């Protein structure tokens, strides 16, 4: 999880407020990330995804989004279960 000092470097004087917000809303934030990840999984698992000649680029985009969700989860949530 990101430390308060790291947040201060990034956010400046708003760091404390943001840190408290995440601490008090971690369940909601986790559910929000779960929702976005599930939306990506639905798109990825559709056979129609291969109808696009640029399907490999689309897959790379989906993988990049998934990585962002994992990074956010591990940086902002205490009990994140990310393995990659």
N, C-alpha and C. Protein backbone atom coordinates (compact mmCIF):
# COMPACT_ATOMS: atom_id res chain seq x y z
N UNK A 1 0.84 -1.18 0.00
CA UNK A 1 0.00 0.00 0.00
C UNK A 1 0.89 1.24 0.00
N UNK A 2 0.46 2.26 -0.68
CA UNK A 2 1.22 3.49 -0.77
C UNK A 2 1.25 4.18 0.60
N UNK A 3 2.35 4.78 0.94
CA UNK A 3 2.48 5.44 2.24
C UNK A 3 1.97 6.87 2.16
N UNK A 4 1.73 7.46 3.32
CA UNK A 4 1.31 8.87 3.37
C UNK A 4 2.38 9.77 2.77
N UNK A 5 3.65 9.45 3.02
CA UNK A 5 4.74 10.27 2.48
C UNK A 5 4.77 10.23 0.96
N UNK A 6 4.54 9.05 0.39
CA UNK A 6 4.49 8.94 -1.07
C UNK A 6 3.33 9.74 -1.63
N UNK A 7 2.18 9.66 -0.95
CA UNK A 7 1.02 10.45 -1.39
C UNK A 7 1.31 11.94 -1.33
N UNK A 8 2.01 12.37 -0.29
CA UNK A 8 2.35 13.79 -0.16
C UNK A 8 3.22 14.25 -1.31
N UNK A 9 4.13 13.39 -1.76
CA UNK A 9 4.98 13.74 -2.90
C UNK A 9 4.17 13.90 -4.17
N UNK A 10 3.13 13.10 -4.30
CA UNK A 10 2.31 13.11 -5.52
C UNK A 10 1.22 14.17 -5.46
N UNK A 11 0.51 14.23 -4.33
CA UNK A 11 -0.68 15.07 -4.22
C UNK A 11 -0.49 16.36 -3.44
N UNK A 12 0.61 16.49 -2.76
CA UNK A 12 0.84 17.71 -1.98
C UNK A 12 -0.09 17.80 -0.79
N UNK A 13 -0.67 18.97 -0.60
CA UNK A 13 -1.47 19.22 0.60
C UNK A 13 -2.78 18.44 0.63
N UNK A 14 -3.21 17.88 -0.47
CA UNK A 14 -4.45 17.10 -0.51
C UNK A 14 -4.23 15.64 -0.12
N UNK A 15 -3.00 15.25 0.13
CA UNK A 15 -2.66 13.85 0.39
C UNK A 15 -3.39 13.30 1.61
N UNK A 16 -3.41 14.05 2.71
CA UNK A 16 -4.03 13.56 3.93
C UNK A 16 -5.52 13.28 3.72
N UNK A 17 -6.20 14.20 3.07
CA UNK A 17 -7.63 14.03 2.81
C UNK A 17 -7.88 12.80 1.92
N UNK A 18 -7.08 12.64 0.87
CA UNK A 18 -7.22 11.50 -0.02
C UNK A 18 -6.95 10.19 0.72
N UNK A 19 -5.91 10.16 1.54
CA UNK A 19 -5.56 8.97 2.30
C UNK A 19 -6.72 8.55 3.20
N UNK A 20 -7.30 9.50 3.91
CA UNK A 20 -8.43 9.21 4.79
C UNK A 20 -9.65 8.72 3.99
N UNK A 21 -9.88 9.33 2.85
CA UNK A 21 -10.99 8.93 2.00
C UNK A 21 -10.85 7.47 1.57
N UNK A 22 -9.67 7.09 1.12
CA UNK A 22 -9.43 5.71 0.69
C UNK A 22 -9.57 4.76 1.87
N UNK A 23 -9.04 5.14 3.03
CA UNK A 23 -9.12 4.28 4.21
C UNK A 23 -10.57 4.01 4.60
N UNK A 24 -11.40 5.00 4.51
CA UNK A 24 -12.80 4.86 4.93
C UNK A 24 -13.70 4.30 3.83
N UNK A 25 -13.19 4.23 2.62
CA UNK A 25 -14.01 3.78 1.50
C UNK A 25 -13.38 2.61 0.76
N UNK A 26 -12.53 1.84 1.43
CA UNK A 26 -11.79 0.80 0.73
C UNK A 26 -12.70 -0.29 0.16
N UNK A 27 -13.77 -0.65 0.87
CA UNK A 27 -14.69 -1.66 0.35
C UNK A 27 -15.38 -1.18 -0.92
N UNK A 28 -15.80 0.07 -0.91
CA UNK A 28 -16.47 0.63 -2.09
C UNK A 28 -15.49 0.73 -3.26
N UNK A 29 -14.27 1.16 -2.98
CA UNK A 29 -13.27 1.29 -4.02
C UNK A 29 -12.94 -0.09 -4.61
N UNK A 30 -12.85 -1.09 -3.76
CA UNK A 30 -12.59 -2.44 -4.23
C UNK A 30 -13.72 -2.94 -5.12
N UNK A 31 -14.95 -2.69 -4.72
CA UNK A 31 -16.10 -3.11 -5.55
C UNK A 31 -16.10 -2.39 -6.89
N UNK A 32 -15.70 -1.12 -6.89
CA UNK A 32 -15.63 -0.37 -8.14
C UNK A 32 -14.58 -0.97 -9.07
N UNK A 33 -13.42 -1.30 -8.53
CA UNK A 33 -12.39 -1.94 -9.35
C UNK A 33 -12.85 -3.30 -9.85
N UNK A 34 -13.54 -4.06 -9.00
CA UNK A 34 -14.09 -5.36 -9.41
C UNK A 34 -15.03 -5.19 -10.60
N UNK A 35 -15.87 -4.16 -10.54
CA UNK A 35 -16.83 -3.90 -11.62
C UNK A 35 -16.09 -3.63 -12.94
N UNK A 36 -15.09 -2.75 -12.90
CA UNK A 36 -14.35 -2.42 -14.12
C UNK A 36 -13.60 -3.64 -14.67
N UNK A 37 -13.02 -4.44 -13.78
CA UNK A 37 -12.33 -5.65 -14.22
C UNK A 37 -13.30 -6.63 -14.87
N UNK A 38 -14.48 -6.77 -14.30
CA UNK A 38 -15.48 -7.68 -14.87
C UNK A 38 -15.93 -7.21 -16.25
N UNK A 39 -16.04 -5.90 -16.45
CA UNK A 39 -16.42 -5.38 -17.76
C UNK A 39 -15.36 -5.75 -18.80
N UNK A 40 -14.10 -5.65 -18.43
CA UNK A 40 -13.02 -6.04 -19.34
C UNK A 40 -13.04 -7.52 -19.64
N UNK A 41 -13.34 -8.33 -18.62
CA UNK A 41 -13.40 -9.78 -18.81
C UNK A 41 -14.53 -10.15 -19.77
N UNK A 42 -15.67 -9.48 -19.68
CA UNK A 42 -16.79 -9.75 -20.59
C UNK A 42 -16.39 -9.48 -22.02
N UNK A 43 -15.70 -8.38 -22.25
CA UNK A 43 -15.26 -8.01 -23.59
C UNK A 43 -14.25 -9.02 -24.12
N UNK A 44 -13.32 -9.40 -23.24
CA UNK A 44 -12.26 -10.30 -23.65
C UNK A 44 -12.79 -11.69 -24.01
N UNK A 45 -13.77 -12.16 -23.29
CA UNK A 45 -14.27 -13.53 -23.47
C UNK A 45 -15.28 -13.66 -24.60
N UNK A 46 -15.60 -12.58 -25.25
CA UNK A 46 -16.55 -12.62 -26.34
C UNK A 46 -15.85 -13.09 -27.62
N UNK A 47 -16.47 -14.04 -28.31
CA UNK A 47 -15.90 -14.56 -29.56
C UNK A 47 -15.86 -13.48 -30.63
N UNK A 48 -16.76 -12.50 -30.53
CA UNK A 48 -16.79 -11.42 -31.51
C UNK A 48 -15.55 -10.53 -31.41
N UNK A 49 -14.79 -10.65 -30.35
CA UNK A 49 -13.56 -9.86 -30.22
C UNK A 49 -12.59 -10.16 -31.36
N UNK A 50 -12.66 -11.38 -31.91
CA UNK A 50 -11.75 -11.78 -32.98
C UNK A 50 -12.23 -11.35 -34.36
N UNK A 51 -13.42 -10.75 -34.44
CA UNK A 51 -13.92 -10.26 -35.72
C UNK A 51 -13.18 -9.01 -36.19
N UNK A 52 -12.50 -8.36 -35.29
CA UNK A 52 -11.78 -7.14 -35.59
C UNK A 52 -10.38 -7.51 -36.09
N UNK A 53 -9.96 -6.97 -37.25
CA UNK A 53 -8.62 -7.30 -37.75
C UNK A 53 -7.51 -6.87 -36.80
N UNK A 54 -7.79 -5.93 -35.92
CA UNK A 54 -6.79 -5.45 -34.96
C UNK A 54 -7.05 -6.04 -33.58
N UNK A 55 -7.52 -7.28 -33.53
CA UNK A 55 -7.88 -7.88 -32.24
C UNK A 55 -6.69 -7.96 -31.29
N UNK A 56 -5.49 -8.11 -31.82
CA UNK A 56 -4.30 -8.19 -30.95
C UNK A 56 -4.08 -6.87 -30.22
N UNK A 57 -4.32 -5.76 -30.91
CA UNK A 57 -4.19 -4.46 -30.26
C UNK A 57 -5.28 -4.27 -29.21
N UNK A 58 -6.46 -4.74 -29.52
CA UNK A 58 -7.55 -4.67 -28.56
C UNK A 58 -7.22 -5.49 -27.32
N UNK A 59 -6.64 -6.66 -27.52
CA UNK A 59 -6.24 -7.51 -26.39
C UNK A 59 -5.16 -6.82 -25.56
N UNK A 60 -4.23 -6.18 -26.23
CA UNK A 60 -3.18 -5.46 -25.51
C UNK A 60 -3.78 -4.32 -24.69
N UNK A 61 -4.77 -3.66 -25.23
CA UNK A 61 -5.46 -2.59 -24.51
C UNK A 61 -6.15 -3.15 -23.27
N UNK A 62 -6.84 -4.26 -23.41
CA UNK A 62 -7.54 -4.89 -22.28
C UNK A 62 -6.53 -5.31 -21.21
N UNK A 63 -5.41 -5.90 -21.64
CA UNK A 63 -4.37 -6.31 -20.69
C UNK A 63 -3.78 -5.10 -19.95
N UNK A 64 -3.61 -4.00 -20.66
CA UNK A 64 -3.10 -2.78 -20.03
C UNK A 64 -4.07 -2.25 -18.99
N UNK A 65 -5.36 -2.27 -19.32
CA UNK A 65 -6.37 -1.82 -18.35
C UNK A 65 -6.37 -2.72 -17.12
N UNK A 66 -6.26 -4.01 -17.34
CA UNK A 66 -6.22 -4.95 -16.21
C UNK A 66 -5.02 -4.65 -15.30
N UNK A 67 -3.89 -4.32 -15.90
CA UNK A 67 -2.69 -4.00 -15.12
C UNK A 67 -2.90 -2.73 -14.28
N UNK A 68 -3.59 -1.76 -14.86
CA UNK A 68 -3.89 -0.53 -14.11
C UNK A 68 -4.75 -0.84 -12.90
N UNK A 69 -5.77 -1.68 -13.06
CA UNK A 69 -6.63 -2.03 -11.93
C UNK A 69 -5.84 -2.74 -10.83
N UNK A 70 -4.96 -3.64 -11.23
CA UNK A 70 -4.13 -4.34 -10.23
C UNK A 70 -3.20 -3.38 -9.51
N UNK A 71 -2.63 -2.44 -10.26
CA UNK A 71 -1.73 -1.46 -9.65
C UNK A 71 -2.48 -0.57 -8.67
N UNK A 72 -3.66 -0.10 -9.07
CA UNK A 72 -4.46 0.72 -8.16
C UNK A 72 -4.84 -0.06 -6.91
N UNK A 73 -5.25 -1.30 -7.10
CA UNK A 73 -5.66 -2.13 -5.97
C UNK A 73 -4.49 -2.31 -4.99
N UNK A 74 -3.31 -2.64 -5.50
CA UNK A 74 -2.18 -2.89 -4.60
C UNK A 74 -1.66 -1.60 -3.97
N UNK A 75 -1.76 -0.48 -4.67
CA UNK A 75 -1.25 0.78 -4.12
C UNK A 75 -2.20 1.40 -3.10
N UNK A 76 -3.49 1.23 -3.29
CA UNK A 76 -4.45 1.97 -2.47
C UNK A 76 -5.22 1.15 -1.45
N UNK A 77 -5.19 -0.16 -1.57
CA UNK A 77 -5.95 -0.98 -0.64
C UNK A 77 -5.02 -1.83 0.21
N UNK A 78 -5.27 -1.86 1.49
CA UNK A 78 -4.41 -2.58 2.43
C UNK A 78 -4.35 -4.07 2.14
N UNK A 79 -5.50 -4.71 2.01
CA UNK A 79 -5.56 -6.17 1.89
C UNK A 79 -5.80 -6.57 0.44
N UNK A 80 -4.93 -6.15 -0.44
CA UNK A 80 -5.11 -6.51 -1.84
C UNK A 80 -4.52 -7.90 -2.08
N UNK A 81 -5.18 -8.66 -2.91
CA UNK A 81 -4.74 -10.02 -3.23
C UNK A 81 -4.31 -10.07 -4.68
N UNK A 82 -3.34 -9.27 -5.04
CA UNK A 82 -2.86 -9.28 -6.43
C UNK A 82 -1.59 -10.07 -6.51
N UNK A 83 -1.50 -10.86 -7.54
CA UNK A 83 -0.31 -11.69 -7.75
C UNK A 83 0.32 -11.39 -9.10
N UNK A 84 0.41 -10.14 -9.47
CA UNK A 84 1.01 -9.88 -10.77
C UNK A 84 0.84 -8.53 -11.12
